[in-house]
mmCIF file of all heavy atoms, coordinates in Angstrom:
data_MODEL
# 
_entry.id   MODEL 
# 
loop_
_atom_site.group_PDB 
_atom_site.id 
_atom_site.type_symbol 
_atom_site.label_atom_id 
_atom_site.label_alt_id 
_atom_site.label_comp_id 
_atom_site.label_asym_id 
_atom_site.label_entity_id 
_atom_site.label_seq_id 
_atom_site.pdbx_PDB_ins_code 
_atom_site.Cartn_x 
_atom_site.Cartn_y 
_atom_site.Cartn_z 
_atom_site.occupancy 
_atom_site.B_iso_or_equiv 
_atom_site.pdbx_formal_charge 
_atom_site.auth_seq_id 
_atom_site.auth_comp_id 
_atom_site.auth_asym_id 
_atom_site.auth_atom_id 
_atom_site.pdbx_PDB_model_num 
ATOM 1   N N   . VAL A 1 1  ? 1.546  21.058  -4.862 1.00 0.00 ? 1  VAL A N   1 
ATOM 2   C CA  . VAL A 1 1  ? 0.282  20.280  -4.783 1.00 0.00 ? 1  VAL A CA  1 
ATOM 3   C C   . VAL A 1 1  ? 0.487  18.861  -5.280 1.00 0.00 ? 1  VAL A C   1 
ATOM 4   O O   . VAL A 1 1  ? -0.029 17.908  -4.669 1.00 0.00 ? 1  VAL A O   1 
ATOM 5   C CB  . VAL A 1 1  ? -0.814 21.012  -5.593 1.00 0.00 ? 1  VAL A CB  1 
ATOM 6   C CG1 . VAL A 1 1  ? -2.054 20.143  -5.725 1.00 0.00 ? 1  VAL A CG1 1 
ATOM 7   C CG2 . VAL A 1 1  ? -1.187 22.328  -4.945 1.00 0.00 ? 1  VAL A CG2 1 
ATOM 8   N N   . GLY A 1 2  ? 1.251  18.717  -6.340 1.00 0.00 ? 2  GLY A N   1 
ATOM 9   C CA  . GLY A 1 2  ? 1.527  17.368  -6.848 1.00 0.00 ? 2  GLY A CA  1 
ATOM 10  C C   . GLY A 1 2  ? 2.269  16.480  -5.852 1.00 0.00 ? 2  GLY A C   1 
ATOM 11  O O   . GLY A 1 2  ? 1.937  15.303  -5.676 1.00 0.00 ? 2  GLY A O   1 
ATOM 12  N N   . ILE A 1 3  ? 3.277  17.045  -5.245 1.00 0.00 ? 3  ILE A N   1 
ATOM 13  C CA  . ILE A 1 3  ? 4.040  16.267  -4.268 1.00 0.00 ? 3  ILE A CA  1 
ATOM 14  C C   . ILE A 1 3  ? 3.147  15.878  -3.074 1.00 0.00 ? 3  ILE A C   1 
ATOM 15  O O   . ILE A 1 3  ? 3.156  14.724  -2.632 1.00 0.00 ? 3  ILE A O   1 
ATOM 16  C CB  . ILE A 1 3  ? 5.278  17.061  -3.765 1.00 0.00 ? 3  ILE A CB  1 
ATOM 17  C CG1 . ILE A 1 3  ? 6.321  17.106  -4.892 1.00 0.00 ? 3  ILE A CG1 1 
ATOM 18  C CG2 . ILE A 1 3  ? 5.861  16.457  -2.485 1.00 0.00 ? 3  ILE A CG2 1 
ATOM 19  C CD1 . ILE A 1 3  ? 7.495  18.018  -4.579 1.00 0.00 ? 3  ILE A CD1 1 
ATOM 20  N N   . ALA A 1 4  ? 2.350  16.837  -2.579 1.00 0.00 ? 4  ALA A N   1 
ATOM 21  C CA  . ALA A 1 4  ? 1.434  16.515  -1.466 1.00 0.00 ? 4  ALA A CA  1 
ATOM 22  C C   . ALA A 1 4  ? 0.431  15.459  -1.849 1.00 0.00 ? 4  ALA A C   1 
ATOM 23  O O   . ALA A 1 4  ? 0.156  14.534  -1.097 1.00 0.00 ? 4  ALA A O   1 
ATOM 24  C CB  . ALA A 1 4  ? 0.756  17.800  -1.013 1.00 0.00 ? 4  ALA A CB  1 
ATOM 25  N N   . PHE A 1 5  ? -0.114 15.584  -3.076 1.00 0.00 ? 5  PHE A N   1 
ATOM 26  C CA  . PHE A 1 5  ? -1.086 14.620  -3.547 1.00 0.00 ? 5  PHE A CA  1 
ATOM 27  C C   . PHE A 1 5  ? -0.519 13.198  -3.633 1.00 0.00 ? 5  PHE A C   1 
ATOM 28  O O   . PHE A 1 5  ? -1.124 12.237  -3.131 1.00 0.00 ? 5  PHE A O   1 
ATOM 29  C CB  . PHE A 1 5  ? -1.582 15.111  -4.900 1.00 0.00 ? 5  PHE A CB  1 
ATOM 30  C CG  . PHE A 1 5  ? -2.686 14.243  -5.498 1.00 0.00 ? 5  PHE A CG  1 
ATOM 31  C CD1 . PHE A 1 5  ? -3.933 14.240  -4.955 1.00 0.00 ? 5  PHE A CD1 1 
ATOM 32  C CD2 . PHE A 1 5  ? -2.415 13.438  -6.637 1.00 0.00 ? 5  PHE A CD2 1 
ATOM 33  C CE1 . PHE A 1 5  ? -4.942 13.431  -5.538 1.00 0.00 ? 5  PHE A CE1 1 
ATOM 34  C CE2 . PHE A 1 5  ? -3.397 12.668  -7.161 1.00 0.00 ? 5  PHE A CE2 1 
ATOM 35  C CZ  . PHE A 1 5  ? -4.668 12.677  -6.608 1.00 0.00 ? 5  PHE A CZ  1 
ATOM 36  N N   . VAL A 1 6  ? 0.631  13.094  -4.187 1.00 0.00 ? 6  VAL A N   1 
ATOM 37  C CA  . VAL A 1 6  ? 1.272  11.788  -4.336 1.00 0.00 ? 6  VAL A CA  1 
ATOM 38  C C   . VAL A 1 6  ? 1.685  11.217  -2.975 1.00 0.00 ? 6  VAL A C   1 
ATOM 39  O O   . VAL A 1 6  ? 1.538  10.046  -2.726 1.00 0.00 ? 6  VAL A O   1 
ATOM 40  C CB  . VAL A 1 6  ? 2.473  11.841  -5.312 1.00 0.00 ? 6  VAL A CB  1 
ATOM 41  C CG1 . VAL A 1 6  ? 3.284  10.573  -5.262 1.00 0.00 ? 6  VAL A CG1 1 
ATOM 42  C CG2 . VAL A 1 6  ? 1.969  12.160  -6.715 1.00 0.00 ? 6  VAL A CG2 1 
ATOM 43  N N   . LEU A 1 7  ? 2.166  12.093  -2.092 1.00 0.00 ? 7  LEU A N   1 
ATOM 44  C CA  . LEU A 1 7  ? 2.575  11.611  -0.764 1.00 0.00 ? 7  LEU A CA  1 
ATOM 45  C C   . LEU A 1 7  ? 1.367  11.088  0.029  1.00 0.00 ? 7  LEU A C   1 
ATOM 46  O O   . LEU A 1 7  ? 1.458  10.033  0.687  1.00 0.00 ? 7  LEU A O   1 
ATOM 47  C CB  . LEU A 1 7  ? 3.254  12.721  0.031  1.00 0.00 ? 7  LEU A CB  1 
ATOM 48  C CG  . LEU A 1 7  ? 4.693  12.997  -0.342 1.00 0.00 ? 7  LEU A CG  1 
ATOM 49  C CD1 . LEU A 1 7  ? 5.222  14.200  0.454  1.00 0.00 ? 7  LEU A CD1 1 
ATOM 50  C CD2 . LEU A 1 7  ? 5.593  11.756  -0.126 1.00 0.00 ? 7  LEU A CD2 1 
ATOM 51  N N   . VAL A 1 8  ? 0.236  11.775  -0.072 1.00 0.00 ? 8  VAL A N   1 
ATOM 52  C CA  . VAL A 1 8  ? -0.941 11.342  0.679  1.00 0.00 ? 8  VAL A CA  1 
ATOM 53  C C   . VAL A 1 8  ? -1.455 10.008  0.121  1.00 0.00 ? 8  VAL A C   1 
ATOM 54  O O   . VAL A 1 8  ? -1.809 9.105   0.885  1.00 0.00 ? 8  VAL A O   1 
ATOM 55  C CB  . VAL A 1 8  ? -2.042 12.410  0.618  1.00 0.00 ? 8  VAL A CB  1 
ATOM 56  C CG1 . VAL A 1 8  ? -3.382 11.885  1.070  1.00 0.00 ? 8  VAL A CG1 1 
ATOM 57  C CG2 . VAL A 1 8  ? -1.638 13.640  1.438  1.00 0.00 ? 8  VAL A CG2 1 
ATOM 58  N N   . LEU A 1 9  ? -1.456 9.879   -1.172 1.00 0.00 ? 9  LEU A N   1 
ATOM 59  C CA  . LEU A 1 9  ? -1.991 8.659   -1.762 1.00 0.00 ? 9  LEU A CA  1 
ATOM 60  C C   . LEU A 1 9  ? -0.943 7.523   -1.851 1.00 0.00 ? 9  LEU A C   1 
ATOM 61  O O   . LEU A 1 9  ? -1.266 6.418   -2.279 1.00 0.00 ? 9  LEU A O   1 
ATOM 62  C CB  . LEU A 1 9  ? -2.555 8.940   -3.156 1.00 0.00 ? 9  LEU A CB  1 
ATOM 63  C CG  . LEU A 1 9  ? -3.861 9.711   -3.137 1.00 0.00 ? 9  LEU A CG  1 
ATOM 64  C CD1 . LEU A 1 9  ? -4.369 9.932   -4.536 1.00 0.00 ? 9  LEU A CD1 1 
ATOM 65  C CD2 . LEU A 1 9  ? -4.893 8.970   -2.313 1.00 0.00 ? 9  LEU A CD2 1 
ATOM 66  N N   . SER A 1 10 ? 0.266  7.775   -1.437 1.00 0.00 ? 10 SER A N   1 
ATOM 67  C CA  . SER A 1 10 ? 1.270  6.699   -1.411 1.00 0.00 ? 10 SER A CA  1 
ATOM 68  C C   . SER A 1 10 ? 0.959  5.688   -0.320 1.00 0.00 ? 10 SER A C   1 
ATOM 69  O O   . SER A 1 10 ? 1.316  4.502   -0.442 1.00 0.00 ? 10 SER A O   1 
ATOM 70  C CB  . SER A 1 10 ? 2.668  7.246   -1.277 1.00 0.00 ? 10 SER A CB  1 
ATOM 71  O OG  . SER A 1 10 ? 2.862  7.830   -0.037 1.00 0.00 ? 10 SER A OG  1 
ATOM 72  N N   . VAL A 1 11 ? 0.290  6.092   0.746  1.00 0.00 ? 11 VAL A N   1 
ATOM 73  C CA  . VAL A 1 11 ? -0.029 5.179   1.828  1.00 0.00 ? 11 VAL A CA  1 
ATOM 74  C C   . VAL A 1 11 ? -1.035 4.115   1.365  1.00 0.00 ? 11 VAL A C   1 
ATOM 75  O O   . VAL A 1 11 ? -0.759 2.918   1.504  1.00 0.00 ? 11 VAL A O   1 
ATOM 76  C CB  . VAL A 1 11 ? -0.551 5.948   3.113  1.00 0.00 ? 11 VAL A CB  1 
ATOM 77  C CG1 . VAL A 1 11 ? -1.067 4.959   4.144  1.00 0.00 ? 11 VAL A CG1 1 
ATOM 78  C CG2 . VAL A 1 11 ? 0.548  6.806   3.629  1.00 0.00 ? 11 VAL A CG2 1 
ATOM 79  N N   . PRO A 1 12 ? -2.192 4.494   0.806  1.00 0.00 ? 12 PRO A N   1 
ATOM 80  C CA  . PRO A 1 12 ? -3.080 3.411   0.305  1.00 0.00 ? 12 PRO A CA  1 
ATOM 81  C C   . PRO A 1 12 ? -2.475 2.607   -0.839 1.00 0.00 ? 12 PRO A C   1 
ATOM 82  O O   . PRO A 1 12 ? -2.724 1.425   -0.970 1.00 0.00 ? 12 PRO A O   1 
ATOM 83  C CB  . PRO A 1 12 ? -4.365 4.141   -0.119 1.00 0.00 ? 12 PRO A CB  1 
ATOM 84  C CG  . PRO A 1 12 ? -4.058 5.590   -0.067 1.00 0.00 ? 12 PRO A CG  1 
ATOM 85  C CD  . PRO A 1 12 ? -2.837 5.774   0.683  1.00 0.00 ? 12 PRO A CD  1 
ATOM 86  N N   . SER A 1 13 ? -1.639 3.264   -1.658 1.00 0.00 ? 13 SER A N   1 
ATOM 87  C CA  . SER A 1 13 ? -0.972 2.515   -2.717 1.00 0.00 ? 13 SER A CA  1 
ATOM 88  C C   . SER A 1 13 ? 0.012  1.458   -2.154 1.00 0.00 ? 13 SER A C   1 
ATOM 89  O O   . SER A 1 13 ? 0.071  0.359   -2.668 1.00 0.00 ? 13 SER A O   1 
ATOM 90  C CB  . SER A 1 13 ? -0.189 3.470   -3.628 1.00 0.00 ? 13 SER A CB  1 
ATOM 91  O OG  . SER A 1 13 ? -1.051 4.372   -4.233 1.00 0.00 ? 13 SER A OG  1 
ATOM 92  N N   . ALA A 1 14 ? 0.691  1.826   -1.081 1.00 0.00 ? 14 ALA A N   1 
ATOM 93  C CA  . ALA A 1 14 ? 1.597  0.877   -0.424 1.00 0.00 ? 14 ALA A CA  1 
ATOM 94  C C   . ALA A 1 14 ? 0.799  -0.281  0.169  1.00 0.00 ? 14 ALA A C   1 
ATOM 95  O O   . ALA A 1 14 ? 1.262  -1.441  0.110  1.00 0.00 ? 14 ALA A O   1 
ATOM 96  C CB  . ALA A 1 14 ? 2.412  1.560   0.608  1.00 0.00 ? 14 ALA A CB  1 
ATOM 97  N N   . ILE A 1 15 ? -0.352 0.023   0.782  1.00 0.00 ? 15 ILE A N   1 
ATOM 98  C CA  . ILE A 1 15 ? -1.151 -1.050  1.346  1.00 0.00 ? 15 ILE A CA  1 
ATOM 99  C C   . ILE A 1 15 ? -1.600 -2.033  0.275  1.00 0.00 ? 15 ILE A C   1 
ATOM 100 O O   . ILE A 1 15 ? -1.474 -3.237  0.482  1.00 0.00 ? 15 ILE A O   1 
ATOM 101 C CB  . ILE A 1 15 ? -2.403 -0.428  2.071  1.00 0.00 ? 15 ILE A CB  1 
ATOM 102 C CG1 . ILE A 1 15 ? -1.953 0.319   3.337  1.00 0.00 ? 15 ILE A CG1 1 
ATOM 103 C CG2 . ILE A 1 15 ? -3.416 -1.507  2.421  1.00 0.00 ? 15 ILE A CG2 1 
ATOM 104 C CD1 . ILE A 1 15 ? -3.044 1.126   3.996  1.00 0.00 ? 15 ILE A CD1 1 
ATOM 105 N N   . VAL A 1 16 ? -2.063 -1.541  -0.834 1.00 0.00 ? 16 VAL A N   1 
ATOM 106 C CA  . VAL A 1 16 ? -2.462 -2.399  -1.930 1.00 0.00 ? 16 VAL A CA  1 
ATOM 107 C C   . VAL A 1 16 ? -1.283 -3.223  -2.414 1.00 0.00 ? 16 VAL A C   1 
ATOM 108 O O   . VAL A 1 16 ? -1.358 -4.431  -2.595 1.00 0.00 ? 16 VAL A O   1 
ATOM 109 C CB  . VAL A 1 16 ? -3.079 -1.566  -3.088 1.00 0.00 ? 16 VAL A CB  1 
ATOM 110 C CG1 . VAL A 1 16 ? -3.269 -2.427  -4.318 1.00 0.00 ? 16 VAL A CG1 1 
ATOM 111 C CG2 . VAL A 1 16 ? -4.373 -0.924  -2.676 1.00 0.00 ? 16 VAL A CG2 1 
ATOM 112 N N   . THR A 1 17 ? -0.162 -2.581  -2.622 1.00 0.00 ? 17 THR A N   1 
ATOM 113 C CA  . THR A 1 17 ? 1.003  -3.267  -3.142 1.00 0.00 ? 17 THR A CA  1 
ATOM 114 C C   . THR A 1 17 ? 1.503  -4.334  -2.179 1.00 0.00 ? 17 THR A C   1 
ATOM 115 O O   . THR A 1 17 ? 1.805  -5.454  -2.606 1.00 0.00 ? 17 THR A O   1 
ATOM 116 C CB  . THR A 1 17 ? 2.137  -2.264  -3.422 1.00 0.00 ? 17 THR A CB  1 
ATOM 117 O OG1 . THR A 1 17 ? 1.650  -1.278  -4.305 1.00 0.00 ? 17 THR A OG1 1 
ATOM 118 C CG2 . THR A 1 17 ? 3.327  -2.915  -4.026 1.00 0.00 ? 17 THR A CG2 1 
ATOM 119 N N   . PHE A 1 18 ? 1.549  -4.050  -0.915 1.00 0.00 ? 18 PHE A N   1 
ATOM 120 C CA  . PHE A 1 18 ? 2.046  -5.032  0.046  1.00 0.00 ? 18 PHE A CA  1 
ATOM 121 C C   . PHE A 1 18 ? 1.141  -6.230  0.137  1.00 0.00 ? 18 PHE A C   1 
ATOM 122 O O   . PHE A 1 18 ? 1.610  -7.370  0.094  1.00 0.00 ? 18 PHE A O   1 
ATOM 123 C CB  . PHE A 1 18 ? 2.204  -4.417  1.442  1.00 0.00 ? 18 PHE A CB  1 
ATOM 124 C CG  . PHE A 1 18 ? 3.365  -3.469  1.577  1.00 0.00 ? 18 PHE A CG  1 
ATOM 125 C CD1 . PHE A 1 18 ? 3.296  -2.384  2.411  1.00 0.00 ? 18 PHE A CD1 1 
ATOM 126 C CD2 . PHE A 1 18 ? 4.526  -3.645  0.818  1.00 0.00 ? 18 PHE A CD2 1 
ATOM 127 C CE1 . PHE A 1 18 ? 4.360  -1.531  2.562  1.00 0.00 ? 18 PHE A CE1 1 
ATOM 128 C CE2 . PHE A 1 18 ? 5.574  -2.732  0.952  1.00 0.00 ? 18 PHE A CE2 1 
ATOM 129 C CZ  . PHE A 1 18 ? 5.495  -1.706  1.825  1.00 0.00 ? 18 PHE A CZ  1 
ATOM 130 N N   . PHE A 1 19 ? -0.150 -6.014  0.234  1.00 0.00 ? 19 PHE A N   1 
ATOM 131 C CA  . PHE A 1 19 ? -1.044 -7.135  0.392  1.00 0.00 ? 19 PHE A CA  1 
ATOM 132 C C   . PHE A 1 19 ? -1.182 -7.972  -0.898 1.00 0.00 ? 19 PHE A C   1 
ATOM 133 O O   . PHE A 1 19 ? -1.384 -9.204  -0.795 1.00 0.00 ? 19 PHE A O   1 
ATOM 134 C CB  . PHE A 1 19 ? -2.448 -6.697  0.821  1.00 0.00 ? 19 PHE A CB  1 
ATOM 135 C CG  . PHE A 1 19 ? -2.524 -6.324  2.277  1.00 0.00 ? 19 PHE A CG  1 
ATOM 136 C CD1 . PHE A 1 19 ? -3.190 -5.182  2.678  1.00 0.00 ? 19 PHE A CD1 1 
ATOM 137 C CD2 . PHE A 1 19 ? -1.879 -7.084  3.228  1.00 0.00 ? 19 PHE A CD2 1 
ATOM 138 C CE1 . PHE A 1 19 ? -3.251 -4.838  4.030  1.00 0.00 ? 19 PHE A CE1 1 
ATOM 139 C CE2 . PHE A 1 19 ? -1.938 -6.736  4.576  1.00 0.00 ? 19 PHE A CE2 1 
ATOM 140 C CZ  . PHE A 1 19 ? -2.628 -5.628  4.968  1.00 0.00 ? 19 PHE A CZ  1 
ATOM 141 N N   . VAL A 1 20 ? -1.053 -7.329  -2.037 1.00 0.00 ? 20 VAL A N   1 
ATOM 142 C CA  . VAL A 1 20 ? -1.199 -8.111  -3.283 1.00 0.00 ? 20 VAL A CA  1 
ATOM 143 C C   . VAL A 1 20 ? 0.122  -8.763  -3.700 1.00 0.00 ? 20 VAL A C   1 
ATOM 144 O O   . VAL A 1 20 ? 0.127  -9.870  -4.166 1.00 0.00 ? 20 VAL A O   1 
ATOM 145 C CB  . VAL A 1 20 ? -1.743 -7.183  -4.406 1.00 0.00 ? 20 VAL A CB  1 
ATOM 146 C CG1 . VAL A 1 20 ? -1.753 -7.873  -5.750 1.00 0.00 ? 20 VAL A CG1 1 
ATOM 147 C CG2 . VAL A 1 20 ? -3.142 -6.700  -4.072 1.00 0.00 ? 20 VAL A CG2 1 
ATOM 148 N N   . ALA A 1 21 ? 1.205  -8.046  -3.514 1.00 0.00 ? 21 ALA A N   1 
ATOM 149 C CA  . ALA A 1 21 ? 2.505  -8.589  -3.976 1.00 0.00 ? 21 ALA A CA  1 
ATOM 150 C C   . ALA A 1 21 ? 3.157  -9.548  -2.983 1.00 0.00 ? 21 ALA A C   1 
ATOM 151 O O   . ALA A 1 21 ? 3.965  -10.380 -3.363 1.00 0.00 ? 21 ALA A O   1 
ATOM 152 C CB  . ALA A 1 21 ? 3.477  -7.447  -4.261 1.00 0.00 ? 21 ALA A CB  1 
ATOM 153 N N   . ILE A 1 22 ? 2.723  -9.480  -1.712 1.00 0.00 ? 22 ILE A N   1 
ATOM 154 C CA  . ILE A 1 22 ? 3.331  -10.362 -0.688 1.00 0.00 ? 22 ILE A CA  1 
ATOM 155 C C   . ILE A 1 22 ? 2.203  -11.197 -0.081 1.00 0.00 ? 22 ILE A C   1 
ATOM 156 O O   . ILE A 1 22 ? 1.570  -10.810 0.905  1.00 0.00 ? 22 ILE A O   1 
ATOM 157 C CB  . ILE A 1 22 ? 4.047  -9.556  0.422  1.00 0.00 ? 22 ILE A CB  1 
ATOM 158 C CG1 . ILE A 1 22 ? 5.034  -8.595  -0.201 1.00 0.00 ? 22 ILE A CG1 1 
ATOM 159 C CG2 . ILE A 1 22 ? 4.727  -10.471 1.372  1.00 0.00 ? 22 ILE A CG2 1 
ATOM 160 C CD1 . ILE A 1 22 ? 5.647  -7.602  0.751  1.00 0.00 ? 22 ILE A CD1 1 
ATOM 161 N N   . PRO A 1 23 ? 1.903  -12.323 -0.657 1.00 0.00 ? 23 PRO A N   1 
ATOM 162 C CA  . PRO A 1 23 ? 0.769  -13.151 -0.175 1.00 0.00 ? 23 PRO A CA  1 
ATOM 163 C C   . PRO A 1 23 ? 0.971  -13.649 1.274  1.00 0.00 ? 23 PRO A C   1 
ATOM 164 O O   . PRO A 1 23 ? -0.025 -13.836 1.977  1.00 0.00 ? 23 PRO A O   1 
ATOM 165 C CB  . PRO A 1 23 ? 0.739  -14.358 -1.133 1.00 0.00 ? 23 PRO A CB  1 
ATOM 166 C CG  . PRO A 1 23 ? 1.648  -14.030 -2.262 1.00 0.00 ? 23 PRO A CG  1 
ATOM 167 C CD  . PRO A 1 23 ? 2.531  -12.929 -1.854 1.00 0.00 ? 23 PRO A CD  1 
ATOM 168 N N   . GLU A 1 24 ? 2.241  -13.790 1.706  1.00 0.00 ? 24 GLU A N   1 
ATOM 169 C CA  . GLU A 1 24 ? 2.473  -14.207 3.079  1.00 0.00 ? 24 GLU A CA  1 
ATOM 170 C C   . GLU A 1 24 ? 1.964  -13.190 4.083  1.00 0.00 ? 24 GLU A C   1 
ATOM 171 O O   . GLU A 1 24 ? 1.453  -13.533 5.158  1.00 0.00 ? 24 GLU A O   1 
ATOM 172 C CB  . GLU A 1 24 ? 3.970  -14.487 3.307  1.00 0.00 ? 24 GLU A CB  1 
ATOM 173 C CG  . GLU A 1 24 ? 4.530  -15.629 2.497  1.00 0.00 ? 24 GLU A CG  1 
ATOM 174 C CD  . GLU A 1 24 ? 4.903  -15.243 1.087  1.00 0.00 ? 24 GLU A CD  1 
ATOM 175 O OE1 . GLU A 1 24 ? 5.095  -14.016 0.832  1.00 0.00 ? 24 GLU A OE1 1 
ATOM 176 O OE2 . GLU A 1 24 ? 5.022  -16.125 0.256  1.00 0.00 ? 24 GLU A OE2 1 
ATOM 177 N N   . LEU A 1 25 ? 2.123  -11.912 3.742  1.00 0.00 ? 25 LEU A N   1 
ATOM 178 C CA  . LEU A 1 25 ? 1.646  -10.829 4.594  1.00 0.00 ? 25 LEU A CA  1 
ATOM 179 C C   . LEU A 1 25 ? 0.125  -10.859 4.724  1.00 0.00 ? 25 LEU A C   1 
ATOM 180 O O   . LEU A 1 25 ? -0.440 -10.752 5.791  1.00 0.00 ? 25 LEU A O   1 
ATOM 181 C CB  . LEU A 1 25 ? 2.085  -9.492  4.092  1.00 0.00 ? 25 LEU A CB  1 
ATOM 182 C CG  . LEU A 1 25 ? 1.693  -8.257  4.871  1.00 0.00 ? 25 LEU A CG  1 
ATOM 183 C CD1 . LEU A 1 25 ? 2.312  -8.281  6.287  1.00 0.00 ? 25 LEU A CD1 1 
ATOM 184 C CD2 . LEU A 1 25 ? 2.114  -6.993  4.156  1.00 0.00 ? 25 LEU A CD2 1 
ATOM 185 N N   . ALA A 1 26 ? -0.518 -11.067 3.600  1.00 0.00 ? 26 ALA A N   1 
ATOM 186 C CA  . ALA A 1 26 ? -2.002 -11.152 3.603  1.00 0.00 ? 26 ALA A CA  1 
ATOM 187 C C   . ALA A 1 26 ? -2.451 -12.369 4.400  1.00 0.00 ? 26 ALA A C   1 
ATOM 188 O O   . ALA A 1 26 ? -3.452 -12.285 5.113  1.00 0.00 ? 26 ALA A O   1 
ATOM 189 C CB  . ALA A 1 26 ? -2.502 -11.214 2.165  1.00 0.00 ? 26 ALA A CB  1 
ATOM 190 N N   . ALA A 1 27 ? -1.768 -13.466 4.272  1.00 0.00 ? 27 ALA A N   1 
ATOM 191 C CA  . ALA A 1 27 ? -2.160 -14.703 5.014  1.00 0.00 ? 27 ALA A CA  1 
ATOM 192 C C   . ALA A 1 27 ? -1.951 -14.517 6.513  1.00 0.00 ? 27 ALA A C   1 
ATOM 193 O O   . ALA A 1 27 ? -2.732 -15.001 7.325  1.00 0.00 ? 27 ALA A O   1 
ATOM 194 C CB  . ALA A 1 27 ? -1.374 -15.877 4.500  1.00 0.00 ? 27 ALA A CB  1 
ATOM 195 N N   . LYS A 1 28 ? -0.876 -13.785 6.908  1.00 0.00 ? 28 LYS A N   1 
ATOM 196 C CA  . LYS A 1 28 ? -0.552 -13.582 8.312  1.00 0.00 ? 28 LYS A CA  1 
ATOM 197 C C   . LYS A 1 28 ? -1.666 -12.702 8.954  1.00 0.00 ? 28 LYS A C   1 
ATOM 198 O O   . LYS A 1 28 ? -2.055 -12.929 10.114 1.00 0.00 ? 28 LYS A O   1 
ATOM 199 C CB  . LYS A 1 28 ? 0.822  -12.932 8.446  1.00 0.00 ? 28 LYS A CB  1 
ATOM 200 C CG  . LYS A 1 28 ? 1.350  -12.956 9.810  1.00 0.00 ? 28 LYS A CG  1 
ATOM 201 C CD  . LYS A 1 28 ? 2.780  -12.503 9.808  1.00 0.00 ? 28 LYS A CD  1 
ATOM 202 C CE  . LYS A 1 28 ? 3.485  -13.007 11.028 1.00 0.00 ? 28 LYS A CE  1 
ATOM 203 N NZ  . LYS A 1 28 ? 4.889  -12.751 11.023 1.00 0.00 ? 28 LYS A NZ  1 
ATOM 204 N N   . ILE A 1 29 ? -2.107 -11.669 8.247  1.00 0.00 ? 29 ILE A N   1 
ATOM 205 C CA  . ILE A 1 29 ? -3.098 -10.766 8.805  1.00 0.00 ? 29 ILE A CA  1 
ATOM 206 C C   . ILE A 1 29 ? -4.468 -11.393 8.716  1.00 0.00 ? 29 ILE A C   1 
ATOM 207 O O   . ILE A 1 29 ? -5.344 -11.123 9.533  1.00 0.00 ? 29 ILE A O   1 
ATOM 208 C CB  . ILE A 1 29 ? -3.041 -9.427  8.081  1.00 0.00 ? 29 ILE A CB  1 
ATOM 209 C CG1 . ILE A 1 29 ? -1.729 -8.740  8.442  1.00 0.00 ? 29 ILE A CG1 1 
ATOM 210 C CG2 . ILE A 1 29 ? -4.245 -8.555  8.390  1.00 0.00 ? 29 ILE A CG2 1 
ATOM 211 C CD1 . ILE A 1 29 ? -1.519 -7.400  7.836  1.00 0.00 ? 29 ILE A CD1 1 
ATOM 212 N N   . GLY A 1 30 ? -4.703 -12.177 7.711  1.00 0.00 ? 30 GLY A N   1 
ATOM 213 C CA  . GLY A 1 30 ? -6.003 -12.796 7.518  1.00 0.00 ? 30 GLY A CA  1 
ATOM 214 C C   . GLY A 1 30 ? -6.530 -12.370 6.168  1.00 0.00 ? 30 GLY A C   1 
ATOM 215 O O   . GLY A 1 30 ? -6.438 -11.173 5.801  1.00 0.00 ? 30 GLY A O   1 
# 
């Protein structure tokens, strides 16, 4: 259950991390 839980929530965590840590990506998308 723990592995499934973390895997499912790793997608929104990655989205947050990419957009916040890489400002160029956020600027490119808008």
